[in-house]
Amino acid sequence: MVFIVFDGLDASGKTTQAERLGESLRRRGLTVFIRFHPSDDCIAGTMARRFLLADGRGAHFCAALFYILDVLRSVLLTPWWLYDHVIFVRYLMGTAYLPPPLHIFAHHFFSTLLPKPRQTFFLKVDPREAHRRITQNRRKQEMFESLAQLEKINVRALSLARANDWIIIDANRPAEEVEKQIQAEL
């Protein structure tokens, strides 16, 4: 079983690339399980999404807590042995949403506790481009989707990705070009 993770800022193309990779692998006759976080099939993911649309420190804390519970649930309930490839969209980079320096400690803690992906892709998108995509394609913005928040999160997440040897992919390009680079890295 090959465990792959896609992470990055909101609107960086994580879902698109995970789905494209999943389809490519299935065409080769491989079995694939894709898990998105926050998920919409359990209370933890649903609550994380709900709090992401709220404001304030309490909502920030609750969004983080329910996100962590959602990922832990996915790790525990995914039938890993049934698939050739398991792909998670969002995993450890959720820790970048925590305030510094807690985000570093949380990332280290969870990266030692949770299963280690064989490949980790960080889709790097300019925060201004991410914000443009968000405002163009979504009716409501989440608490971390303002340009200022995207810029802050980008610095933290990119530093975590670099420090932990993630494969960093320029996601400011068309999806087809990003997909080709991901395929080349596999």
Protein backbone atom coordinates (compact mmCIF):
# COMPACT_ATOMS: atom_id res chain seq x y z
CA MET A 1 0.00 0.00 0.00
CA VAL A 2 1.27 3.43 -0.97
CA PHE A 3 0.18 6.35 1.22
CA ILE A 4 0.21 9.76 -0.50
CA VAL A 5 -0.74 13.17 0.92
CA PHE A 6 -1.69 16.38 -0.87
CA ASP A 7 -1.63 19.56 1.16
CA GLY A 8 -1.37 23.30 0.63
CA LEU A 9 -3.33 26.49 1.04
CA ASP A 10 -7.04 26.59 0.38
CA ALA A 11 -7.63 26.72 -3.41
CA SER A 12 -4.18 25.35 -4.22
CA GLY A 13 -5.66 22.45 -6.23
CA LYS A 14 -5.31 19.63 -3.69
CA THR A 15 -8.67 18.03 -4.46
CA THR A 16 -8.20 18.37 -8.21
CA GLN A 17 -4.76 16.75 -8.13
CA ALA A 18 -5.81 13.96 -5.75
CA GLU A 19 -8.75 13.10 -8.00
CA ARG A 20 -6.59 13.21 -11.14
CA LEU A 21 -3.98 10.95 -9.55
CA GLY A 22 -6.66 8.59 -8.28
CA GLU A 23 -8.19 8.31 -11.74
CA SER A 24 -4.77 7.73 -13.33
CA LEU A 25 -4.00 4.94 -10.87
CA ARG A 26 -7.41 3.32 -11.38
CA ARG A 27 -6.87 3.31 -15.16
CA ARG A 28 -3.75 1.23 -14.46
CA GLY A 29 -5.89 -1.32 -12.59
CA LEU A 30 -4.89 -0.22 -9.09
CA THR A 31 -7.29 0.23 -6.19
CA VAL A 32 -7.43 3.72 -4.70
CA PHE A 33 -9.03 5.26 -1.61
CA ILE A 34 -9.17 9.07 -1.40
CA ARG A 35 -10.02 10.82 1.87
CA PHE A 36 -10.72 14.55 2.08
CA HIS A 37 -10.36 16.64 5.24
CA PRO A 38 -12.37 18.04 6.72
CA SER A 39 -14.69 15.24 5.66
CA ASP A 40 -18.43 15.53 5.29
CA ASP A 41 -19.39 12.01 6.37
CA CYS A 42 -18.77 12.31 10.10
CA ILE A 43 -19.59 14.70 12.91
CA ALA A 44 -15.96 15.78 13.43
CA GLY A 45 -15.52 16.89 9.81
CA THR A 46 -18.95 18.52 9.72
CA MET A 47 -18.22 20.45 12.91
CA ALA A 48 -14.78 21.49 11.64
CA ARG A 49 -16.40 22.94 8.50
CA ARG A 50 -19.08 24.67 10.59
CA PHE A 51 -16.51 26.37 12.82
CA LEU A 52 -14.38 27.36 9.83
CA LEU A 53 -17.30 29.55 8.74
CA ALA A 54 -17.54 31.22 12.16
CA ASP A 55 -15.43 33.99 13.70
CA GLY A 56 -13.43 34.38 16.87
CA ARG A 57 -10.88 32.54 18.96
CA GLY A 58 -13.39 30.00 20.21
CA ALA A 59 -14.33 29.08 16.64
CA HIS A 60 -10.62 28.88 15.72
CA PHE A 61 -9.97 26.47 18.60
CA CYS A 62 -13.05 24.36 17.81
CA ALA A 63 -12.20 24.20 14.09
CA ALA A 64 -8.70 22.95 14.95
CA LEU A 65 -9.97 20.44 17.50
CA PHE A 66 -12.60 18.95 15.21
CA TYR A 67 -10.14 18.88 12.29
CA ILE A 68 -7.69 16.86 14.41
CA LEU A 69 -10.48 14.49 15.44
CA ASP A 70 -11.52 14.12 11.80
CA VAL A 71 -7.98 13.18 10.69
CA LEU A 72 -7.55 10.78 13.61
CA ARG A 73 -10.87 9.14 12.75
CA SER A 74 -9.72 8.74 9.13
CA VAL A 75 -6.44 7.16 10.21
CA LEU A 76 -8.19 4.73 12.53
CA LEU A 77 -11.08 3.77 10.24
CA THR A 78 -9.41 3.66 6.82
CA PRO A 79 -9.17 0.02 5.68
CA TRP A 80 -5.54 0.48 4.56
CA TRP A 81 -5.05 -3.18 3.64
CA LEU A 82 -7.80 -3.11 0.98
CA TYR A 83 -6.09 -0.60 -1.33
CA ASP A 84 -2.99 -0.28 -3.44
CA HIS A 85 -2.97 3.50 -2.85
CA VAL A 86 -4.46 5.63 -0.08
CA ILE A 87 -4.55 9.37 -0.77
CA PHE A 88 -5.33 11.95 1.90
CA VAL A 89 -6.19 15.52 1.01
CA ARG A 90 -4.99 17.53 3.99
CA TYR A 91 -3.19 15.76 6.77
CA LEU A 92 -0.40 17.21 8.88
CA MET A 93 -0.34 20.73 7.44
CA GLY A 94 -3.51 21.47 9.34
CA THR A 95 -1.10 22.23 12.17
CA ALA A 96 0.02 25.37 10.27
CA TYR A 97 -3.32 26.92 11.24
CA LEU A 98 -2.31 26.87 14.89
CA PRO A 99 -0.55 29.93 16.33
CA PRO A 100 3.26 29.96 16.40
CA PRO A 101 5.20 28.22 17.85
CA LEU A 102 2.46 25.71 18.69
CA HIS A 103 2.18 24.79 15.00
CA ILE A 104 5.77 23.43 15.02
CA PHE A 105 5.25 21.33 18.15
CA ALA A 106 1.88 20.02 16.93
CA HIS A 107 3.32 19.09 13.55
CA HIS A 108 6.20 17.23 15.18
CA PHE A 109 3.88 15.47 17.62
CA PHE A 110 1.41 14.30 14.97
CA SER A 111 4.09 13.37 12.45
CA THR A 112 5.61 10.97 14.99
CA LEU A 113 2.21 9.60 16.04
CA LEU A 114 0.41 9.17 12.71
CA PRO A 115 1.26 6.89 9.78
CA LYS A 116 4.05 8.20 7.56
CA PRO A 117 3.10 8.87 3.95
CA ARG A 118 5.44 7.56 1.28
CA GLN A 119 5.02 10.79 -0.65
CA THR A 120 3.90 14.19 0.55
CA PHE A 121 3.04 16.89 -1.96
CA PHE A 122 2.75 20.50 -0.91
CA LEU A 123 0.94 22.46 -3.61
CA LYS A 124 2.46 25.92 -3.32
CA VAL A 125 0.24 28.69 -4.56
CA ASP A 126 0.75 32.42 -4.15
CA PRO A 127 -1.65 33.65 -1.44
CA ARG A 128 -2.98 36.32 -3.80
CA GLU A 129 -3.78 33.66 -6.41
CA ALA A 130 -5.40 31.45 -3.76
CA HIS A 131 -7.51 34.40 -2.59
CA ARG A 132 -8.53 35.18 -6.18
CA ARG A 133 -9.63 31.56 -6.72
CA ILE A 134 -11.55 31.52 -3.43
CA THR A 135 -13.44 34.76 -4.05
CA GLN A 136 -14.19 33.71 -7.61
CA ASN A 137 -15.46 30.21 -6.82
CA ARG A 138 -17.02 30.23 -3.34
CA ARG A 139 -20.10 31.82 -1.87
CA LYS A 140 -18.73 32.00 1.68
CA GLN A 141 -15.21 32.51 2.94
CA GLU A 142 -13.83 30.47 5.82
CA MET A 143 -12.01 32.16 8.70
CA PHE A 144 -8.57 31.45 7.18
CA GLU A 145 -9.39 32.55 3.63
CA SER A 146 -8.78 36.29 3.85
CA LEU A 147 -5.64 37.43 2.05
CA ALA A 148 -3.95 38.30 5.36
CA GLN A 149 -4.69 34.85 6.81
CA LEU A 150 -3.59 33.07 3.63
CA GLU A 151 -0.28 34.96 3.73
CA LYS A 152 0.31 33.99 7.39
CA ILE A 153 -0.64 30.35 6.90
CA ASN A 154 1.48 30.14 3.75
CA VAL A 155 4.64 31.13 5.63
CA ARG A 156 4.03 28.55 8.36
CA ALA A 157 2.98 25.72 6.05
CA LEU A 158 5.80 26.29 3.57
CA SER A 159 8.38 26.30 6.38
CA LEU A 160 6.95 23.01 7.71
CA ALA A 161 6.98 21.50 4.22
CA ARG A 162 10.60 22.49 3.64
CA ALA A 163 11.74 21.33 7.09
CA ASN A 164 10.12 17.92 6.57
CA ASP A 165 11.25 17.26 2.99
CA TRP A 166 7.87 17.53 1.31
CA ILE A 167 7.81 17.66 -2.48
CA ILE A 168 6.90 21.27 -3.20
CA ILE A 169 4.98 21.78 -6.45
CA ASP A 170 4.29 25.19 -8.01
CA ALA A 171 0.48 25.20 -8.18
CA ASN A 172 0.17 28.66 -9.73
CA ARG A 173 0.28 26.91 -13.11
CA PRO A 174 -2.51 25.18 -15.02
CA ALA A 175 -3.75 21.94 -13.44
CA GLU A 176 -2.42 19.86 -16.36
CA GLU A 177 1.14 21.10 -15.77
CA VAL A 178 0.87 20.44 -12.03
CA GLU A 179 -0.42 16.94 -12.75
CA LYS A 180 2.54 16.21 -15.07
CA GLN A 181 5.01 17.25 -12.38
CA ILE A 182 3.27 15.08 -9.77
CA GLN A 183 3.32 12.09 -12.15
CA ALA A 184 7.04 12.68 -12.76
CA GLU A 185 7.69 12.64 -8.98
CA LEU A 186 5.89 9.30 -8.59
